[in-house]
Amino acid sequence: MLEPINLEKTKNSPEIILNKDNATFKISGRSIVEDPKEFYSPVYAWLEEYIKSPLNSTDFIIDLEYFNSSSARQIMEIIMLLEKIPETGKKVKVSWMYEAGDEMSKERGDEIKLVSKLDFEIKEYPAEEF
């Protein structure tokens, strides 16, 4: 059985929820971790295992308000892993979320969508007011 990953976000690391039991797959917050490859290593291992027996439909949400270039590389690694799911005959959709007015995040999503083979949706949500 695949144990869920549930990491709480910090000021430098994102919240990560990978839970096959309740079909929740989400990365959100900020990703400016010191060693992104090491930080995301359990995520890769979990996804490698998940790909062996995925749900009929996987909806993966990425809602990063900020991430540095080394984290961007890790996000691409995750996308490439997710691209293996359709080979099993199952569906996967990525929802790239960005706050209204955050053109940089939207552009990053657009760039990834261009190179991804997945059903990739870019969704804007209202900016928070303070």
C-alpha atoms as a PDB file:
ATOM      1  CA  MET A   1       0.000   0.000   0.000  1.00  0.00           C
ATOM      2  CA  LEU A   2       1.220   3.440  -0.937  1.00  0.00           C
ATOM      3  CA  GLU A   3       1.502   5.625   2.162  1.00  0.00           C
ATOM      4  CA  PRO A   4       0.408   9.249   1.643  1.00  0.00           C
ATOM      5  CA  ILE A   5       2.890  12.099   1.663  1.00  0.00           C
ATOM      6  CA  ASN A   6       1.645  15.152   3.526  1.00  0.00           C
ATOM      7  CA  LEU A   7       4.282  17.855   3.973  1.00  0.00           C
ATOM      8  CA  GLU A   8       3.265  21.153   5.494  1.00  0.00           C
ATOM      9  CA  LYS A   9       4.521  24.272   3.786  1.00  0.00           C
ATOM     10  CA  THR A  10       7.182  26.473   5.329  1.00  0.00           C
ATOM     11  CA  LYS A  11       8.382  29.875   4.191  1.00  0.00           C
ATOM     12  CA  ASN A  12      10.797  28.145   1.779  1.00  0.00           C
ATOM     13  CA  SER A  13       9.154  24.817   0.986  1.00  0.00           C
ATOM     14  CA  PRO A  14       5.785  23.959  -0.518  1.00  0.00           C
ATOM     15  CA  GLU A  15       2.922  21.975   0.896  1.00  0.00           C
ATOM     16  CA  ILE A  16       2.912  18.593  -0.803  1.00  0.00           C
ATOM     17  CA  ILE A  17      -0.034  16.237  -0.607  1.00  0.00           C
ATOM     18  CA  LEU A  18       0.124  12.931  -2.430  1.00  0.00           C
ATOM     19  CA  ASN A  19      -2.737  10.742  -1.299  1.00  0.00           C
ATOM     20  CA  LYS A  20      -4.038   7.995  -3.556  1.00  0.00           C
ATOM     21  CA  ASP A  21      -6.802   7.046  -1.093  1.00  0.00           C
ATOM     22  CA  ASN A  22      -8.620  10.378  -1.399  1.00  0.00           C
ATOM     23  CA  ALA A  23      -7.277  11.227  -4.888  1.00  0.00           C
ATOM     24  CA  THR A  24      -5.446  14.348  -3.724  1.00  0.00           C
ATOM     25  CA  PHE A  25      -2.288  15.322  -5.583  1.00  0.00           C
ATOM     26  CA  LYS A  26      -1.100  18.868  -4.891  1.00  0.00           C
ATOM     27  CA  ILE A  27       2.004  21.025  -4.598  1.00  0.00           C
ATOM     28  CA  SER A  28       1.402  24.572  -3.370  1.00  0.00           C
ATOM     29  CA  GLY A  29       3.187  27.502  -1.788  1.00  0.00           C
ATOM     30  CA  ARG A  30       6.799  28.557  -2.306  1.00  0.00           C
ATOM     31  CA  SER A  31       9.657  26.365  -3.455  1.00  0.00           C
ATOM     32  CA  ILE A  32      13.029  27.911  -2.734  1.00  0.00           C
ATOM     33  CA  VAL A  33      14.485  24.970  -0.847  1.00  0.00           C
ATOM     34  CA  GLU A  34      18.238  24.739  -0.448  1.00  0.00           C
ATOM     35  CA  ASP A  35      18.586  21.337  -2.119  1.00  0.00           C
ATOM     36  CA  PRO A  36      15.549  20.837  -4.364  1.00  0.00           C
ATOM     37  CA  LYS A  37      16.728  17.480  -5.698  1.00  0.00           C
ATOM     38  CA  GLU A  38      16.949  16.070  -2.179  1.00  0.00           C
ATOM     39  CA  PHE A  39      13.718  17.756  -1.071  1.00  0.00           C
ATOM     40  CA  TYR A  40      11.704  16.356  -3.985  1.00  0.00           C
ATOM     41  CA  SER A  41      13.344  12.917  -3.897  1.00  0.00           C
ATOM     42  CA  PRO A  42      10.522  11.329  -1.804  1.00  0.00           C
ATOM     43  CA  VAL A  43       8.004  12.796  -4.266  1.00  0.00           C
ATOM     44  CA  TYR A  44       9.754  11.087  -7.191  1.00  0.00           C
ATOM     45  CA  ALA A  45       9.891   7.789  -5.314  1.00  0.00           C
ATOM     46  CA  TRP A  46       6.192   8.046  -4.432  1.00  0.00           C
ATOM     47  CA  LEU A  47       5.206   8.873  -8.012  1.00  0.00           C
ATOM     48  CA  GLU A  48       7.332   6.034  -9.423  1.00  0.00           C
ATOM     49  CA  GLU A  49       5.391   3.648  -7.189  1.00  0.00           C
ATOM     50  CA  TYR A  50       2.038   5.310  -7.966  1.00  0.00           C
ATOM     51  CA  ILE A  51       2.606   5.000 -11.725  1.00  0.00           C
ATOM     52  CA  LYS A  52       2.650   1.210 -11.357  1.00  0.00           C
ATOM     53  CA  SER A  53      -1.023   1.277 -10.353  1.00  0.00           C
ATOM     54  CA  PRO A  54      -2.566   4.737 -10.828  1.00  0.00           C
ATOM     55  CA  LEU A  55      -6.179   5.716 -10.334  1.00  0.00           C
ATOM     56  CA  ASN A  56      -8.350   5.850 -13.458  1.00  0.00           C
ATOM     57  CA  SER A  57      -8.032   9.636 -13.355  1.00  0.00           C
ATOM     58  CA  THR A  58      -5.314  11.674 -11.665  1.00  0.00           C
ATOM     59  CA  ASP A  59      -5.843  15.406 -11.177  1.00  0.00           C
ATOM     60  CA  PHE A  60      -2.532  16.974 -10.145  1.00  0.00           C
ATOM     61  CA  ILE A  61      -2.661  20.571  -8.875  1.00  0.00           C
ATOM     62  CA  ILE A  62       0.389  22.822  -8.952  1.00  0.00           C
ATOM     63  CA  ASP A  63      -0.178  26.141  -7.200  1.00  0.00           C
ATOM     64  CA  LEU A  64       3.226  27.695  -6.607  1.00  0.00           C
ATOM     65  CA  GLU A  65       3.266  31.379  -5.777  1.00  0.00           C
ATOM     66  CA  TYR A  66       7.031  31.416  -6.256  1.00  0.00           C
ATOM     67  CA  PHE A  67       9.740  28.941  -7.162  1.00  0.00           C
ATOM     68  CA  ASN A  68      13.370  29.375  -8.116  1.00  0.00           C
ATOM     69  CA  SER A  69      15.041  27.964 -11.207  1.00  0.00           C
ATOM     70  CA  SER A  70      16.393  24.871  -9.470  1.00  0.00           C
ATOM     71  CA  SER A  71      12.898  24.079  -8.181  1.00  0.00           C
ATOM     72  CA  ALA A  72      11.539  24.640 -11.711  1.00  0.00           C
ATOM     73  CA  ARG A  73      13.759  21.817 -12.886  1.00  0.00           C
ATOM     74  CA  GLN A  74      12.281  19.531 -10.214  1.00  0.00           C
ATOM     75  CA  ILE A  75       8.740  20.495 -11.232  1.00  0.00           C
ATOM     76  CA  MET A  76       9.612  19.450 -14.799  1.00  0.00           C
ATOM     77  CA  GLU A  77      10.868  16.116 -13.443  1.00  0.00           C
ATOM     78  CA  ILE A  78       7.497  15.620 -11.758  1.00  0.00           C
ATOM     79  CA  ILE A  79       5.678  16.480 -14.994  1.00  0.00           C
ATOM     80  CA  MET A  80       7.827  13.962 -16.875  1.00  0.00           C
ATOM     81  CA  LEU A  81       6.934  11.276 -14.336  1.00  0.00           C
ATOM     82  CA  LEU A  82       3.244  12.109 -14.687  1.00  0.00           C
ATOM     83  CA  GLU A  83       3.599  11.694 -18.456  1.00  0.00           C
ATOM     84  CA  LYS A  84       4.115   7.965 -17.848  1.00  0.00           C
ATOM     85  CA  ILE A  85       0.566   7.548 -16.492  1.00  0.00           C
ATOM     86  CA  PRO A  86      -1.245   7.708 -19.883  1.00  0.00           C
ATOM     87  CA  GLU A  87       1.001   4.815 -20.999  1.00  0.00           C
ATOM     88  CA  THR A  88      -0.939   2.703 -18.453  1.00  0.00           C
ATOM     89  CA  GLY A  89      -4.219   3.590 -20.148  1.00  0.00           C
ATOM     90  CA  LYS A  90      -5.237   5.942 -17.328  1.00  0.00           C
ATOM     91  CA  LYS A  91      -5.884   9.688 -17.480  1.00  0.00           C
ATOM     92  CA  VAL A  92      -3.940  12.509 -15.893  1.00  0.00           C
ATOM     93  CA  LYS A  93      -4.626  16.223 -15.853  1.00  0.00           C
ATOM     94  CA  VAL A  94      -2.398  18.951 -14.458  1.00  0.00           C
ATOM     95  CA  SER A  95      -4.010  22.139 -13.201  1.00  0.00           C
ATOM     96  CA  TRP A  96      -1.503  24.990 -13.018  1.00  0.00           C
ATOM     97  CA  MET A  97      -2.985  27.557 -10.657  1.00  0.00           C
ATOM     98  CA  TYR A  98      -1.892  31.182 -10.490  1.00  0.00           C
ATOM     99  CA  GLU A  99      -3.107  34.288  -8.724  1.00  0.00           C
ATOM    100  CA  ALA A 100      -4.678  37.022 -10.869  1.00  0.00           C
ATOM    101  CA  GLY A 101      -2.011  39.515 -11.857  1.00  0.00           C
ATOM    102  CA  ASP A 102       0.885  37.076 -11.405  1.00  0.00           C
ATOM    103  CA  GLU A 103       1.999  37.108 -15.021  1.00  0.00           C
ATOM    104  CA  MET A 104       5.311  35.398 -14.232  1.00  0.00           C
ATOM    105  CA  SER A 105       3.566  32.339 -12.790  1.00  0.00           C
ATOM    106  CA  LYS A 106       1.142  32.253 -15.734  1.00  0.00           C
ATOM    107  CA  GLU A 107       4.063  32.433 -18.187  1.00  0.00           C
ATOM    108  CA  ARG A 108       5.877  29.598 -16.386  1.00  0.00           C
ATOM    109  CA  GLY A 109       2.710  27.510 -16.664  1.00  0.00           C
ATOM    110  CA  ASP A 110       2.403  28.363 -20.360  1.00  0.00           C
ATOM    111  CA  GLU A 111       6.036  27.310 -20.931  1.00  0.00           C
ATOM    112  CA  ILE A 112       5.524  23.961 -19.214  1.00  0.00           C
ATOM    113  CA  LYS A 113       2.256  23.392 -21.055  1.00  0.00           C
ATOM    114  CA  LEU A 114       4.078  23.837 -24.380  1.00  0.00           C
ATOM    115  CA  VAL A 115       6.510  20.991 -23.671  1.00  0.00           C
ATOM    116  CA  SER A 116       4.155  18.731 -21.731  1.00  0.00           C
ATOM    117  CA  LYS A 117       2.247  15.887 -23.348  1.00  0.00           C
ATOM    118  CA  LEU A 118      -0.411  16.004 -20.641  1.00  0.00           C
ATOM    119  CA  ASP A 119      -3.881  17.473 -20.414  1.00  0.00           C
ATOM    120  CA  PHE A 120      -2.600  20.727 -18.924  1.00  0.00           C
ATOM    121  CA  GLU A 121      -4.952  23.451 -17.731  1.00  0.00           C
ATOM    122  CA  ILE A 122      -3.888  26.915 -16.603  1.00  0.00           C
ATOM    123  CA  LYS A 123      -6.339  28.439 -14.122  1.00  0.00           C
ATOM    124  CA  GLU A 124      -6.399  31.923 -12.654  1.00  0.00           C
ATOM    125  CA  TYR A 125      -7.858  32.565  -9.218  1.00  0.00           C
ATOM    126  CA  PRO A 126      -8.670  35.953  -7.639  1.00  0.00           C
ATOM    127  CA  ALA A 127      -5.868  37.824  -5.913  1.00  0.00           C
ATOM    128  CA  GLU A 128      -6.090  37.944  -2.137  1.00  0.00           C
ATOM    129  CA  GLU A 129      -6.869  41.335  -0.707  1.00  0.00           C
ATOM    130  CA  PHE A 130      -5.141  42.526   2.429  1.00  0.00           C
END
